[in-house]
Amino acid sequence: MTESNQIQEILNQIEEELFSLNIDVEIKSNTIEWKDNFGAENYIDINYCAKYLENLAWWKFNDSGKDLVMFTKNNFIISWDPTPLNNMGQSFGCIYLKFCREILVIAYQDKSTQRVFSINTNNLDIRQLYCCNKIGVAIWRDSLFIKDYDRNECFSVNLHMPLIEKTFHKEESLKSNQIYLSTSNGIERFQNLDL
């Protein structure tokens, strides 16, 4: 299956899920768009959609800042509001959304910081993994690599361990396999650790 066919398949599956919620949408080349009951524009960008087995996940952008993370589980759609309590209920967009098996990893921008969360889609355990001004993230195997640009630190966490332990890495030791970090400015090429 070609990449454009995979994109279309994911968009069609999300469109079917939204239709089950009585949401009438329009599929464009890489987005799904609609207006909600309050007249706000909503859209889903294929770059912020993920699929693991039969589970789908997506970031629902809302032009009034009421973004949601949505994912399917056992024929239900679950919504999670990623905004912190001190932010007047608004987010400023998704940076990263990917599955690491059943763990959904989300990085997003709020008013003053960038945050990384994980959601275990089996038991719905939600964890804030990190928060800073500028972040880069990537998944490789069972590890989530995080770069804090303000502190110039890079570390990884194993997403499938019950306790989150950081393993710090020096940039000089990064080599061999290449990882691409997603940042708010796009993708940064980053050398992977020889793990």
Protein backbone atom coordinates (compact mmCIF):
# COMPACT_ATOMS: atom_id res chain seq x y z
CA MET A 1 0.00 0.00 0.00
CA THR A 2 1.38 3.40 -0.97
CA GLU A 3 1.82 6.21 1.55
CA SER A 4 -1.00 8.26 0.00
CA ASN A 5 -3.30 5.20 0.21
CA GLN A 6 -2.36 4.76 3.89
CA ILE A 7 -3.09 8.43 4.55
CA GLN A 8 -6.45 8.16 2.82
CA GLU A 9 -7.28 4.97 4.74
CA ILE A 10 -6.54 6.62 8.10
CA LEU A 11 -8.56 9.71 7.19
CA ASN A 12 -11.47 7.52 6.05
CA GLN A 13 -11.38 5.54 9.29
CA ILE A 14 -11.36 8.73 11.38
CA GLU A 15 -14.20 10.12 9.24
CA GLU A 16 -16.23 6.97 10.01
CA GLU A 17 -15.56 7.40 13.74
CA LEU A 18 -16.67 11.05 13.60
CA PHE A 19 -19.75 10.10 11.57
CA SER A 20 -20.74 7.75 14.41
CA LEU A 21 -20.79 10.91 16.61
CA ASN A 22 -23.08 12.66 14.05
CA ILE A 23 -20.28 14.95 12.88
CA ASP A 24 -20.51 15.80 9.18
CA VAL A 25 -16.99 16.35 7.84
CA GLU A 26 -15.21 17.13 4.60
CA ILE A 27 -12.05 15.20 3.71
CA LYS A 28 -9.43 17.23 1.88
CA SER A 29 -6.02 15.99 0.73
CA ASN A 30 -4.38 15.69 4.18
CA THR A 31 -7.08 17.00 6.52
CA ILE A 32 -10.60 16.46 7.75
CA GLU A 33 -12.52 19.69 8.36
CA TRP A 34 -15.87 20.68 9.89
CA LYS A 35 -17.65 23.35 11.91
CA ASP A 36 -18.90 22.47 15.37
CA ASN A 37 -22.27 23.46 16.85
CA PHE A 38 -20.78 26.77 18.01
CA GLY A 39 -19.48 27.67 14.54
CA ALA A 40 -15.84 27.06 15.39
CA GLU A 41 -13.64 25.55 12.68
CA ASN A 42 -12.21 22.13 13.54
CA TYR A 43 -9.73 20.05 11.63
CA ILE A 44 -7.58 16.96 11.86
CA ASP A 45 -4.20 16.98 10.13
CA ILE A 46 -2.83 13.61 9.00
CA ASN A 47 0.56 14.57 10.47
CA TYR A 48 -1.04 14.35 13.92
CA CYS A 49 -2.82 11.02 13.48
CA ALA A 50 -1.55 7.62 14.54
CA LYS A 51 -2.60 4.01 14.24
CA TYR A 52 -1.66 0.96 16.29
CA LEU A 53 -3.38 -2.31 15.39
CA GLU A 54 -7.08 -1.35 15.34
CA ASN A 55 -6.66 1.77 17.48
CA LEU A 56 -6.65 5.23 15.97
CA ALA A 57 -5.56 8.48 17.61
CA TRP A 58 -5.70 12.05 16.42
CA TRP A 59 -5.32 15.65 17.53
CA LYS A 60 -8.48 17.67 16.90
CA PHE A 61 -7.51 21.29 16.22
CA ASN A 62 -10.14 23.90 17.10
CA ASP A 63 -9.78 27.54 16.04
CA SER A 64 -10.98 28.75 19.45
CA GLY A 65 -8.21 26.76 21.19
CA LYS A 66 -10.39 23.93 22.49
CA ASP A 67 -8.18 21.21 21.02
CA LEU A 68 -8.65 17.57 22.01
CA VAL A 69 -6.72 14.34 21.78
CA MET A 70 -9.09 11.63 20.60
CA PHE A 71 -8.51 7.91 20.31
CA THR A 72 -10.48 4.74 19.81
CA LYS A 73 -10.65 1.88 22.28
CA ASN A 74 -12.95 -1.13 22.00
CA ASN A 75 -15.32 0.64 19.57
CA PHE A 76 -15.52 3.77 21.74
CA ILE A 77 -14.01 7.20 21.13
CA ILE A 78 -12.20 8.66 24.12
CA SER A 79 -11.37 12.37 24.32
CA TRP A 80 -8.70 13.94 26.47
CA ASP A 81 -8.34 17.67 27.00
CA PRO A 82 -4.59 18.39 27.00
CA THR A 83 -4.76 21.87 28.50
CA PRO A 84 -3.50 22.64 31.99
CA LEU A 85 -5.81 24.24 34.53
CA ASN A 86 -3.87 27.52 34.61
CA ASN A 87 -4.13 28.10 30.87
CA MET A 88 -7.77 29.21 30.56
CA GLY A 89 -8.57 25.97 28.73
CA GLN A 90 -6.58 26.60 25.56
CA SER A 91 -3.82 24.76 23.78
CA PHE A 92 -1.71 26.12 20.98
CA GLY A 93 -1.26 23.03 18.84
CA CYS A 94 0.22 19.59 18.60
CA ILE A 95 3.93 18.97 18.11
CA TYR A 96 3.96 15.16 18.17
CA LEU A 97 1.45 12.31 18.36
CA LYS A 98 2.58 8.68 17.94
CA PHE A 99 1.91 5.23 19.34
CA CYS A 100 4.59 3.13 20.99
CA ARG A 101 2.55 -0.06 21.00
CA GLU A 102 -0.42 0.71 23.31
CA ILE A 103 1.17 3.89 24.70
CA LEU A 104 0.10 7.09 22.96
CA VAL A 105 2.70 9.88 23.23
CA ILE A 106 1.58 13.47 22.78
CA ALA A 107 3.67 16.64 22.78
CA TYR A 108 1.94 19.98 22.50
CA GLN A 109 2.32 23.70 23.05
CA ASP A 110 0.32 25.53 25.69
CA LYS A 111 0.50 29.26 26.44
CA SER A 112 4.02 29.27 27.87
CA THR A 113 5.50 25.77 27.66
CA GLN A 114 5.70 22.59 25.65
CA ARG A 115 4.51 19.43 27.37
CA VAL A 116 4.90 15.70 26.75
CA PHE A 117 2.30 13.22 28.01
CA SER A 118 1.76 9.51 27.63
CA ILE A 119 -1.59 7.75 27.68
CA ASN A 120 -1.70 4.00 28.20
CA THR A 121 -4.69 3.14 26.01
CA ASN A 122 -5.20 -0.17 27.84
CA ASN A 123 -5.75 1.22 31.35
CA LEU A 124 -6.12 4.96 30.53
CA ASP A 125 -3.19 5.91 32.78
CA ILE A 126 -2.10 9.45 31.83
CA ARG A 127 1.37 10.73 32.76
CA GLN A 128 3.02 14.05 32.21
CA LEU A 129 6.53 13.07 31.20
CA TYR A 130 8.18 16.45 30.75
CA CYS A 131 7.59 20.18 30.41
CA CYS A 132 9.93 22.95 29.16
CA ASN A 133 10.04 25.95 26.82
CA LYS A 134 11.27 24.09 23.71
CA ILE A 135 11.25 20.34 23.33
CA GLY A 136 12.14 17.71 20.76
CA VAL A 137 10.74 14.17 20.90
CA ALA A 138 11.09 10.87 19.08
CA ILE A 139 10.25 7.23 19.75
CA TRP A 140 12.76 4.49 19.08
CA ARG A 141 11.94 0.94 20.13
CA ASP A 142 10.32 1.24 23.60
CA SER A 143 12.10 4.48 24.45
CA LEU A 144 10.97 8.04 24.15
CA PHE A 145 13.86 10.43 23.48
CA ILE A 146 13.38 13.95 24.76
CA LYS A 147 15.61 16.93 24.15
CA ASP A 148 15.25 20.02 26.33
CA TYR A 149 16.69 22.80 24.19
CA ASP A 150 16.84 25.30 27.07
CA ARG A 151 19.00 23.04 29.23
CA ASN A 152 20.69 21.42 26.22
CA GLU A 153 19.92 18.00 27.73
CA CYS A 154 18.91 14.82 26.00
CA PHE A 155 17.48 11.83 27.81
CA SER A 156 15.30 8.82 27.19
CA VAL A 157 12.59 7.05 29.17
CA ASN A 158 11.27 3.54 28.71
CA LEU A 159 7.55 3.97 28.11
CA HIS A 160 6.68 0.44 29.23
CA MET A 161 8.25 0.57 32.70
CA PRO A 162 5.98 1.23 35.69
CA LEU A 163 8.36 3.89 37.02
CA ILE A 164 9.71 6.59 34.75
CA GLU A 165 13.49 6.66 34.94
CA LYS A 166 15.50 9.10 32.86
CA THR A 167 18.65 7.94 31.13
CA PHE A 168 20.74 10.98 30.19
CA HIS A 169 22.82 11.01 27.01
CA LYS A 170 25.63 13.25 25.92
CA GLU A 171 25.38 14.52 22.38
CA GLU A 172 28.98 13.39 21.73
CA SER A 173 27.89 9.78 22.32
CA LEU A 174 25.05 9.96 19.80
CA LYS A 175 25.82 7.95 16.68
CA SER A 176 24.79 5.24 14.18
CA ASN A 177 20.98 4.96 13.93
CA GLN A 178 19.30 8.22 13.06
CA ILE A 179 16.31 9.58 14.96
CA TYR A 180 14.30 12.57 13.81
CA LEU A 181 13.05 14.75 16.65
CA SER A 182 9.75 16.51 16.17
CA THR A 183 9.85 20.09 17.39
CA SER A 184 7.50 23.04 17.13
CA ASN A 185 9.68 24.24 14.23
CA GLY A 186 9.46 20.97 12.32
CA ILE A 187 11.85 18.02 12.25
CA GLU A 188 15.45 18.17 13.48
CA ARG A 189 17.90 15.52 12.44
CA PHE A 190 19.34 13.89 15.51
CA GLN A 191 21.82 11.06 15.84
CA ASN A 192 20.52 8.03 17.70
CA LEU A 193 22.23 6.25 20.52
CA ASP A 194 23.90 2.93 19.92
CA LEU A 195 21.58 1.06 22.27
